[in-house]
PDB file of N, CA and C in Angstrom:
ATOM      1  N   MET A   1     119.887 102.163 107.182  1.00  0.00           N
ATOM      2  CA  MET A   1     119.334 102.180 105.959  1.00  0.00           C
ATOM      3  C   MET A   1     120.272 102.731 104.818  1.00  0.00           C
ATOM      4  N   LYS A   2     120.138 102.202 103.630  1.00  0.00           N
ATOM      5  CA  LYS A   2     121.031 102.807 102.717  1.00  0.00           C
ATOM      6  C   LYS A   2     120.403 104.207 102.087  1.00  0.00           C
ATOM      7  N   LYS A   3     121.417 105.000 101.771  1.00  0.00           N
ATOM      8  CA  LYS A   3     121.037 106.429 101.432  1.00  0.00           C
ATOM      9  C   LYS A   3     120.843 106.269  99.835  1.00  0.00           C
ATOM     10  N   GLY A   4     119.946 107.055  99.479  1.00  0.00           N
ATOM     11  CA  GLY A   4     119.844 107.177  97.897  1.00  0.00           C
ATOM     12  C   GLY A   4     118.918 106.053  97.106  1.00  0.00           C
ATOM     13  N   ILE A   5     118.309 105.268  97.949  1.00  0.00           N
ATOM     14  CA  ILE A   5     117.659 104.080  97.286  1.00  0.00           C
ATOM     15  C   ILE A   5     116.143 104.305  97.239  1.00  0.00           C
ATOM     16  N   HIS A   6     115.726 105.259  98.073  1.00  0.00           N
ATOM     17  CA  HIS A   6     114.220 105.669  98.086  1.00  0.00           C
ATOM     18  C   HIS A   6     113.893 106.606  97.066  1.00  0.00           C
ATOM     19  N   PRO A   7     112.713 106.707  96.482  1.00  0.00           N
ATOM     20  CA  PRO A   7     112.245 107.724  95.474  1.00  0.00           C
ATOM     21  C   PRO A   7     111.914 109.081  96.242  1.00  0.00           C
ATOM     22  N   GLU A   8     112.264 110.049  95.725  1.00  0.00           N
ATOM     23  CA  GLU A   8     111.983 111.475  96.187  1.00  0.00           C
ATOM     24  C   GLU A   8     110.719 112.118  95.586  1.00  0.00           C
ATOM     25  N   SER A   9     110.004 111.539  94.743  1.00  0.00           N
ATOM     26  CA  SER A   9     108.730 111.949  94.344  1.00  0.00           C
ATOM     27  C   SER A   9     107.398 111.459  94.819  1.00  0.00           C
ATOM     28  N   TYR A  10     107.193 111.489  95.994  1.00  0.00           N
ATOM     29  CA  TYR A  10     106.119 110.868  96.672  1.00  0.00           C
ATOM     30  C   TYR A  10     105.041 112.255  96.645  1.00  0.00           C
ATOM     31  N   ARG A  11     103.811 111.667  96.234  1.00  0.00           N
ATOM     32  CA  ARG A  11     102.756 112.794  96.249  1.00  0.00           C
ATOM     33  C   ARG A  11     101.434 112.039  96.665  1.00  0.00           C
ATOM     34  N   MET A  12     100.431 112.908  96.877  1.00  0.00           N
ATOM     35  CA  MET A  12      99.090 112.358  97.072  1.00  0.00           C
ATOM     36  C   MET A  12      98.542 111.707  95.782  1.00  0.00           C
ATOM     37  N   VAL A  13      98.078 110.391  95.957  1.00  0.00           N
ATOM     38  CA  VAL A  13      97.420 109.874  94.878  1.00  0.00           C
ATOM     39  C   VAL A  13      96.264 109.066  95.382  1.00  0.00           C
ATOM     40  N   ALA A  14      95.146 109.116  94.355  1.00  0.00           N
ATOM     41  CA  ALA A  14      93.876 108.495  94.668  1.00  0.00           C
ATOM     42  C   ALA A  14      94.124 107.179  94.083  1.00  0.00           C
ATOM     43  N   PHE A  15      93.463 106.034  94.877  1.00  0.00           N
ATOM     44  CA  PHE A  15      93.297 104.767  94.410  1.00  0.00           C
ATOM     45  C   PHE A  15      91.986 104.523  94.324  1.00  0.00           C
ATOM     46  N   LYS A  16      91.484 103.976  93.293  1.00  0.00           N
ATOM     47  CA  LYS A  16      89.963 103.431  93.306  1.00  0.00           C
ATOM     48  C   LYS A  16      89.904 101.944  92.997  1.00  0.00           C
ATOM     49  N   ASP A  17      89.082 101.330  93.876  1.00  0.00           N
ATOM     50  CA  ASP A  17      88.708 100.110  93.822  1.00  0.00           C
ATOM     51  C   ASP A  17      87.540  99.936  92.769  1.00  0.00           C
ATOM     52  N   MET A  18      87.777  99.326  91.476  1.00  0.00           N
ATOM     53  CA  MET A  18      86.931  99.213  90.566  1.00  0.00           C
ATOM     54  C   MET A  18      85.835  98.402  90.551  1.00  0.00           C
ATOM     55  N   SER A  19      85.829  97.435  91.621  1.00  0.00           N
ATOM     56  CA  SER A  19      84.756  96.379  91.902  1.00  0.00           C
ATOM     57  C   SER A  19      83.642  97.047  92.850  1.00  0.00           C
ATOM     58  N   ASN A  20      83.832  97.875  93.567  1.00  0.00           N
ATOM     59  CA  ASN A  20      82.968  98.507  94.350  1.00  0.00           C
ATOM     60  C   ASN A  20      82.923 100.061  94.422  1.00  0.00           C
ATOM     61  N   GLY A  21      83.970 100.842  93.711  1.00  0.00           N
ATOM     62  CA  GLY A  21      83.972 102.241  93.749  1.00  0.00           C
ATOM     63  C   GLY A  21      84.660 102.836  94.895  1.00  0.00           C
ATOM     64  N   ASP A  22      84.995 102.193  95.805  1.00  0.00           N
ATOM     65  CA  ASP A  22      85.761 102.791  97.038  1.00  0.00           C
ATOM     66  C   ASP A  22      87.025 103.456  96.368  1.00  0.00           C
ATOM     67  N   ILE A  23      87.164 104.866  97.173  1.00  0.00           N
ATOM     68  CA  ILE A  23      88.373 105.640  96.873  1.00  0.00           C
ATOM     69  C   ILE A  23      89.167 105.911  98.081  1.00  0.00           C
ATOM     70  N   PHE A  24      90.251 105.835  98.111  1.00  0.00           N
ATOM     71  CA  PHE A  24      91.268 106.354  99.174  1.00  0.00           C
ATOM     72  C   PHE A  24      92.344 106.949  98.764  1.00  0.00           C
ATOM     73  N   LEU A  25      92.847 107.911  99.525  1.00  0.00           N
ATOM     74  CA  LEU A  25      93.932 108.764  99.160  1.00  0.00           C
ATOM     75  C   LEU A  25      95.093 108.232 100.053  1.00  0.00           C
ATOM     76  N   THR A  26      96.274 108.501  99.411  1.00  0.00           N
ATOM     77  CA  THR A  26      97.701 107.984 100.268  1.00  0.00           C
ATOM     78  C   THR A  26      98.648 108.572  99.409  1.00  0.00           C
ATOM     79  N   ARG A  27     100.148 108.584  99.974  1.00  0.00           N
ATOM     80  CA  ARG A  27     100.942 109.200  99.295  1.00  0.00           C
ATOM     81  C   ARG A  27     101.783 107.874  98.635  1.00  0.00           C
ATOM     82  N   SER A  28     102.118 108.128  97.228  1.00  0.00           N
ATOM     83  CA  SER A  28     102.753 107.090  96.391  1.00  0.00           C
ATOM     84  C   SER A  28     103.805 107.859  95.411  1.00  0.00           C
ATOM     85  N   CYS A  29     104.430 107.034  94.679  1.00  0.00           N
ATOM     86  CA  CYS A  29     105.244 107.469  93.665  1.00  0.00           C
ATOM     87  C   CYS A  29     104.965 106.755  92.402  1.00  0.00           C
ATOM     88  N   ALA A  30     103.847 106.004  92.503  1.00  0.00           N
ATOM     89  CA  ALA A  30     103.632 105.051  91.236  1.00  0.00           C
ATOM     90  C   ALA A  30     102.975 105.990  90.227  1.00  0.00           C
ATOM     91  N   ASN A  31     103.279 105.657  88.694  1.00  0.00           N
ATOM     92  CA  ASN A  31     102.949 106.246  87.811  1.00  0.00           C
ATOM     93  C   ASN A  31     101.414 106.118  87.484  1.00  0.00           C
ATOM     94  N   ALA A  32     100.635 107.143  87.163  1.00  0.00           N
ATOM     95  CA  ALA A  32      99.377 107.094  86.918  1.00  0.00           C
ATOM     96  C   ALA A  32      98.882 107.686  85.581  1.00  0.00           C
ATOM     97  N   LYS A  33      98.002 107.307  84.725  1.00  0.00           N
ATOM     98  CA  LYS A  33      97.585 107.789  83.438  1.00  0.00           C
ATOM     99  C   LYS A  33      96.498 108.806  83.673  1.00  0.00           C
ATOM    100  N   ASP A  34      95.487 108.519  84.512  1.00  0.00           N
ATOM    101  CA  ASP A  34      94.416 109.318  84.685  1.00  0.00           C
ATOM    102  C   ASP A  34      94.322 110.284  85.954  1.00  0.00           C
ATOM    103  N   ASN A  35      93.407 111.047  85.899  1.00  0.00           N
ATOM    104  CA  ASN A  35      93.200 112.027  87.166  1.00  0.00           C
ATOM    105  C   ASN A  35      91.756 111.718  87.735  1.00  0.00           C
ATOM    106  N   LEU A  36      91.662 112.186  88.979  1.00  0.00           N
ATOM    107  CA  LEU A  36      90.328 111.922  89.470  1.00  0.00           C
ATOM    108  C   LEU A  36      90.362 113.362  90.403  1.00  0.00           C
ATOM    109  N   GLU A  37      89.050 113.786  90.508  1.00  0.00           N
ATOM    110  CA  GLU A  37      88.978 115.092  91.428  1.00  0.00           C
ATOM    111  C   GLU A  37      88.151 114.342  92.624  1.00  0.00           C
ATOM    112  N   VAL A  38      88.666 114.880  93.592  1.00  0.00           N
ATOM    113  CA  VAL A  38      88.238 114.475  95.048  1.00  0.00           C
ATOM    114  C   VAL A  38      88.007 115.730  95.833  1.00  0.00           C
ATOM    115  N   ASP A  39      86.895 116.196  96.258  1.00  0.00           N
ATOM    116  CA  ASP A  39      86.693 117.415  97.217  1.00  0.00           C
ATOM    117  C   ASP A  39      87.183 118.473  96.594  1.00  0.00           C
ATOM    118  N   GLY A  40      87.045 118.489  95.193  1.00  0.00           N
ATOM    119  CA  GLY A  40      87.737 119.734  94.363  1.00  0.00           C
ATOM    120  C   GLY A  40      88.994 119.753  94.128  1.00  0.00           C
ATOM    121  N   VAL A  41      89.881 118.663  94.562  1.00  0.00           N
ATOM    122  CA  VAL A  41      91.262 118.698  94.186  1.00  0.00           C
ATOM    123  C   VAL A  41      91.610 117.581  93.187  1.00  0.00           C
ATOM    124  N   LYS A  42      92.434 117.647  92.328  1.00  0.00           N
ATOM    125  CA  LYS A  42      92.844 116.672  91.131  1.00  0.00           C
ATOM    126  C   LYS A  42      93.811 116.011  91.793  1.00  0.00           C
ATOM    127  N   TYR A  43      93.744 114.620  91.753  1.00  0.00           N
ATOM    128  CA  TYR A  43      94.676 113.525  91.983  1.00  0.00           C
ATOM    129  C   TYR A  43      94.972 112.810  90.916  1.00  0.00           C
ATOM    130  N   PRO A  44      96.272 112.157  90.761  1.00  0.00           N
ATOM    131  CA  PRO A  44      96.566 111.158  89.764  1.00  0.00           C
ATOM    132  C   PRO A  44      95.808 109.846  90.177  1.00  0.00           C
ATOM    133  N   LEU A  45      95.134 109.052  89.486  1.00  0.00           N
ATOM    134  CA  LEU A  45      94.209 107.992  89.731  1.00  0.00           C
ATOM    135  C   LEU A  45      95.112 106.774  89.451  1.00  0.00           C
ATOM    136  N   ILE A  46      94.939 105.736  90.362  1.00  0.00           N
ATOM    137  CA  ILE A  46      95.312 104.431  90.191  1.00  0.00           C
ATOM    138  C   ILE A  46      94.348 103.465  90.290  1.00  0.00           C
ATOM    139  N   LYS A  47      93.830 102.782  89.287  1.00  0.00           N
ATOM    140  CA  LYS A  47      92.842 101.896  89.311  1.00  0.00           C
ATOM    141  C   LYS A  47      93.140 100.376  90.043  1.00  0.00           C
ATOM    142  N   LEU A  48      92.401  99.856  90.871  1.00  0.00           N
ATOM    143  CA  LEU A  48      92.695  98.874  91.388  1.00  0.00           C
ATOM    144  C   LEU A  48      91.634  97.688  91.161  1.00  0.00           C
ATOM    145  N   GLU A  49      91.631  96.363  90.859  1.00  0.00           N
ATOM    146  CA  GLU A  49      90.794  95.387  90.725  1.00  0.00           C
ATOM    147  C   GLU A  49      90.224  95.030  92.144  1.00  0.00           C
ATOM    148  N   ILE A  50      91.102  95.124  93.171  1.00  0.00           N
ATOM    149  CA  ILE A  50      90.532  94.485  94.494  1.00  0.00           C
ATOM    150  C   ILE A  50      91.328  95.289  95.478  1.00  0.00           C
ATOM    151  N   SER A  51      90.690  95.642  96.639  1.00  0.00           N
ATOM    152  CA  SER A  51      91.130  96.478  97.824  1.00  0.00           C
ATOM    153  C   SER A  51      90.818  95.866  98.919  1.00  0.00           C
ATOM    154  N   ARG A  52      91.205  96.520  99.963  1.00  0.00           N
ATOM    155  CA  ARG A  52      90.729  96.020 101.468  1.00  0.00           C
ATOM    156  C   ARG A  52      89.120  96.029 101.626  1.00  0.00           C
ATOM    157  N   THR A  53      88.425  96.845 100.831  1.00  0.00           N
ATOM    158  CA  THR A  53      86.933  97.092 100.931  1.00  0.00           C
ATOM    159  C   THR A  53      86.240  95.834 100.150  1.00  0.00           C
ATOM    160  N   SER A  54      87.025  95.156  99.142  1.00  0.00           N
ATOM    161  CA  SER A  54      86.349  94.481  98.411  1.00  0.00           C
ATOM    162  C   SER A  54      87.162  92.733  98.516  1.00  0.00           C
ATOM    163  N   HIS A  55      88.199  92.592  99.222  1.00  0.00           N
ATOM    164  CA  HIS A  55      88.942  91.433  99.311  1.00  0.00           C
ATOM    165  C   HIS A  55      88.197  90.411 100.264  1.00  0.00           C
ATOM    166  N   PRO A  56      87.834  89.291  99.794  1.00  0.00           N
ATOM    167  CA  PRO A  56      87.236  88.229 100.858  1.00  0.00           C
ATOM    168  C   PRO A  56      87.853  88.228 101.951  1.00  0.00           C
ATOM    169  N   PHE A  57      89.144  88.051 102.295  1.00  0.00           N
ATOM    170  CA  PHE A  57      89.833  88.138 103.710  1.00  0.00           C
ATOM    171  C   PHE A  57      89.391  89.109 104.748  1.00  0.00           C
ATOM    172  N   TYR A  58      89.263  90.197 104.169  1.00  0.00           N
ATOM    173  CA  TYR A  58      88.830  91.433 104.939  1.00  0.00           C
ATOM    174  C   TYR A  58      87.383  91.650 105.236  1.00  0.00           C
ATOM    175  N   THR A  59      86.481  91.170 104.061  1.00  0.00           N
ATOM    176  CA  THR A  59      85.012  91.357 104.191  1.00  0.00           C
ATOM    177  C   THR A  59      84.614  90.189 104.731  1.00  0.00           C
ATOM    178  N   GLY A  60      85.093  88.872 104.704  1.00  0.00           N
ATOM    179  CA  GLY A  60      84.495  87.886 105.242  1.00  0.00           C
ATOM    180  C   GLY A  60      83.485  87.283 104.307  1.00  0.00           C
ATOM    181  N   LYS A  61      83.364  87.683 103.269  1.00  0.00           N
ATOM    182  CA  LYS A  61      82.443  87.346 102.432  1.00  0.00           C
ATOM    183  C   LYS A  61      83.442  86.546 101.124  1.00  0.00           C
ATOM    184  N   VAL A  62      82.707  85.309 100.831  1.00  0.00           N
ATOM    185  CA  VAL A  62      83.491  84.613  99.800  1.00  0.00           C
ATOM    186  C   VAL A  62      83.033  84.817  98.507  1.00  0.00           C
ATOM    187  N   LYS A  63      83.696  85.235  97.609  1.00  0.00           N
ATOM    188  CA  LYS A  63      83.182  85.711  96.204  1.00  0.00           C
ATOM    189  C   LYS A  63      84.151  85.127  95.165  1.00  0.00           C
ATOM    190  N   LEU A  64      83.654  84.372  94.205  1.00  0.00           N
ATOM    191  CA  LEU A  64      84.347  84.116  93.061  1.00  0.00           C
ATOM    192  C   LEU A  64      84.480  84.940  92.023  1.00  0.00           C
ATOM    193  N   VAL A  65      85.757  85.481  91.750  1.00  0.00           N
ATOM    194  CA  VAL A  65      85.906  86.376  90.442  1.00  0.00           C
ATOM    195  C   VAL A  65      86.707  85.713  89.556  1.00  0.00           C
ATOM    196  N   ASP A  66      86.143  85.585  88.333  1.00  0.00           N
ATOM    197  CA  ASP A  66      86.807  84.737  87.297  1.00  0.00           C
ATOM    198  C   ASP A  66      87.154  85.968  86.098  1.00  0.00           C
ATOM    199  N   THR A  67      88.307  86.636  86.531  1.00  0.00           N
ATOM    200  CA  THR A  67      88.649  87.822  85.277  1.00  0.00           C
ATOM    201  C   THR A  67      89.474  86.924  84.323  1.00  0.00           C
ATOM    202  N   ALA A  68      89.021  87.350  83.100  1.00  0.00           N
ATOM    203  CA  ALA A  68      89.627  86.855  81.747  1.00  0.00           C
ATOM    204  C   ALA A  68      89.897  85.242  81.680  1.00  0.00           C
ATOM    205  N   GLY A  69      88.917  84.575  82.392  1.00  0.00           N
ATOM    206  CA  GLY A  69      88.762  83.173  81.992  1.00  0.00           C
ATOM    207  C   GLY A  69      90.114  82.206  82.942  1.00  0.00           C
ATOM    208  N   ARG A  70      90.390  82.765  83.949  1.00  0.00           N
ATOM    209  CA  ARG A  70      91.305  82.103  84.654  1.00  0.00           C
ATOM    210  C   ARG A  70      91.169  80.813  84.928  1.00  0.00           C
ATOM    211  N   ILE A  71      90.051  80.262  85.421  1.00  0.00           N
ATOM    212  CA  ILE A  71      89.760  78.972  85.762  1.00  0.00           C
ATOM    213  C   ILE A  71      90.050  78.065  84.361  1.00  0.00           C
ATOM    214  N   ASP A  72      89.309  78.590  83.393  1.00  0.00           N
ATOM    215  CA  ASP A  72      89.339  77.782  81.913  1.00  0.00           C
ATOM    216  C   ASP A  72      90.904  77.736  81.630  1.00  0.00           C
ATOM    217  N   LYS A  73      91.752  78.630  81.798  1.00  0.00           N
ATOM    218  CA  LYS A  73      93.293  78.613  81.376  1.00  0.00           C
ATOM    219  C   LYS A  73      93.878  77.588  82.360  1.00  0.00           C
ATOM    220  N   PHE A  74      93.475  77.589  83.419  1.00  0.00           N
ATOM    221  CA  PHE A  74      94.160  76.609  84.284  1.00  0.00           C
ATOM    222  C   PHE A  74      93.774  75.061  83.948  1.00  0.00           C
ATOM    223  N   LYS A  75      92.459  74.868  83.721  1.00  0.00           N
ATOM    224  CA  LYS A  75      92.079  73.512  83.435  1.00  0.00           C
ATOM    225  C   LYS A  75      92.608  73.251  82.071  1.00  0.00           C
ATOM    226  N   MET A  76      92.817  73.927  81.150  1.00  0.00           N
ATOM    227  CA  MET A  76      93.308  73.609  79.740  1.00  0.00           C
ATOM    228  C   MET A  76      94.824  73.310  79.888  1.00  0.00           C
ATOM    229  N   LYS A  77      95.580  74.257  80.732  1.00  0.00           N
ATOM    230  CA  LYS A  77      97.109  73.882  81.020  1.00  0.00           C
ATOM    231  C   LYS A  77      97.272  72.651  81.666  1.00  0.00           C
ATOM    232  N   TYR A  78      96.591  72.056  82.714  1.00  0.00           N
ATOM    233  CA  TYR A  78      96.702  70.789  83.411  1.00  0.00           C
ATOM    234  C   TYR A  78      95.806  69.753  82.747  1.00  0.00           C
ATOM    235  N   ALA A  79      95.157  69.818  81.872  1.00  0.00           N
ATOM    236  CA  ALA A  79      94.410  68.708  81.329  1.00  0.00           C
ATOM    237  C   ALA A  79      95.257  67.796  80.705  1.00  0.00           C
ATOM    238  N   LYS A  80      96.520  68.022  80.260  1.00  0.00           N
ATOM    239  CA  LYS A  80      97.406  66.986  79.596  1.00  0.00           C
ATOM    240  C   LYS A  80      97.967  66.116  80.829  1.00  0.00           C
ATOM    241  N   PHE A  81      97.868  66.687  81.973  1.00  0.00           N
ATOM    242  CA  PHE A  81      98.382  65.458  83.105  1.00  0.00           C
ATOM    243  C   PHE A  81      97.195  64.870  83.642  1.00  0.00           C
ATOM    244  N   LYS A  82      96.051  64.955  83.089  1.00  0.00           N
ATOM    245  CA  LYS A  82      94.958  64.295  83.454  1.00  0.00           C
ATOM    246  C   LYS A  82      95.115  62.769  82.938  1.00  0.00           C
ATOM    247  N   LYS A  83      94.885  61.808  83.801  1.00  0.00           N
ATOM    248  CA  LYS A  83      95.095  60.496  83.389  1.00  0.00           C
ATOM    249  C   LYS A  83      94.036  59.863  82.430  1.00  0.00           C
ATOM    250  N   GLU A  84      94.321  59.477  81.328  1.00  0.00           N
ATOM    251  CA  GLU A  84      93.324  58.981  80.459  1.00  0.00           C
ATOM    252  C   GLU A  84      92.776  57.752  80.889  1.00  0.00           C
ATOM    253  N   GLU A  85      91.508  57.478  80.441  1.00  0.00           N
ATOM    254  CA  GLU A  85      90.887  56.285  80.856  1.00  0.00           C
ATOM    255  C   GLU A  85      91.226  55.161  79.796  1.00  0.00           C
ATOM    256  N   THR A  86      91.527  54.059  80.168  1.00  0.00           N
ATOM    257  CA  THR A  86      91.877  53.170  79.233  1.00  0.00           C
ATOM    258  C   THR A  86      90.721  52.177  79.019  1.00  0.00           C
ATOM    259  N   LYS A  87      90.600  51.759  77.849  1.00  0.00           N
ATOM    260  CA  LYS A  87      89.303  50.917  77.727  1.00  0.00           C
ATOM    261  C   LYS A  87      89.582  49.582  77.840  1.00  0.00           C
ATOM    262  N   THR A  88      89.047  48.681  78.658  1.00  0.00           N
ATOM    263  CA  THR A  88      89.340  47.213  78.870  1.00  0.00           C
ATOM    264  C   THR A  88      88.470  46.373  78.073  1.00  0.00           C
ATOM    265  N   GLU A  89      88.882  45.336  77.564  1.00  0.00           N
ATOM    266  CA  GLU A  89      88.267  44.556  76.770  1.00  0.00           C
ATOM    267  C   GLU A  89      87.834  43.109  77.462  1.00  0.00           C
TER     268      GLU A  89
END
């Protein structure tokens, strides 16, 4: 492995799944804006939209999540490729 390419600033960080409230602790060097107290200890907080406890692949539950109208954006983007119906006389 190359020397000097890995960060030195690993610390314990709390990751919170915002869809179901699950919290887990792990070491990370990611920047965090918020803090969260877990068992009386303050940790930097990183908020997640989806994690292993809410992802359909791991839970076996199919759930459609349309955040910020992604389906509508897709339909608008590709609407120009839709074949127009021509009127026959």
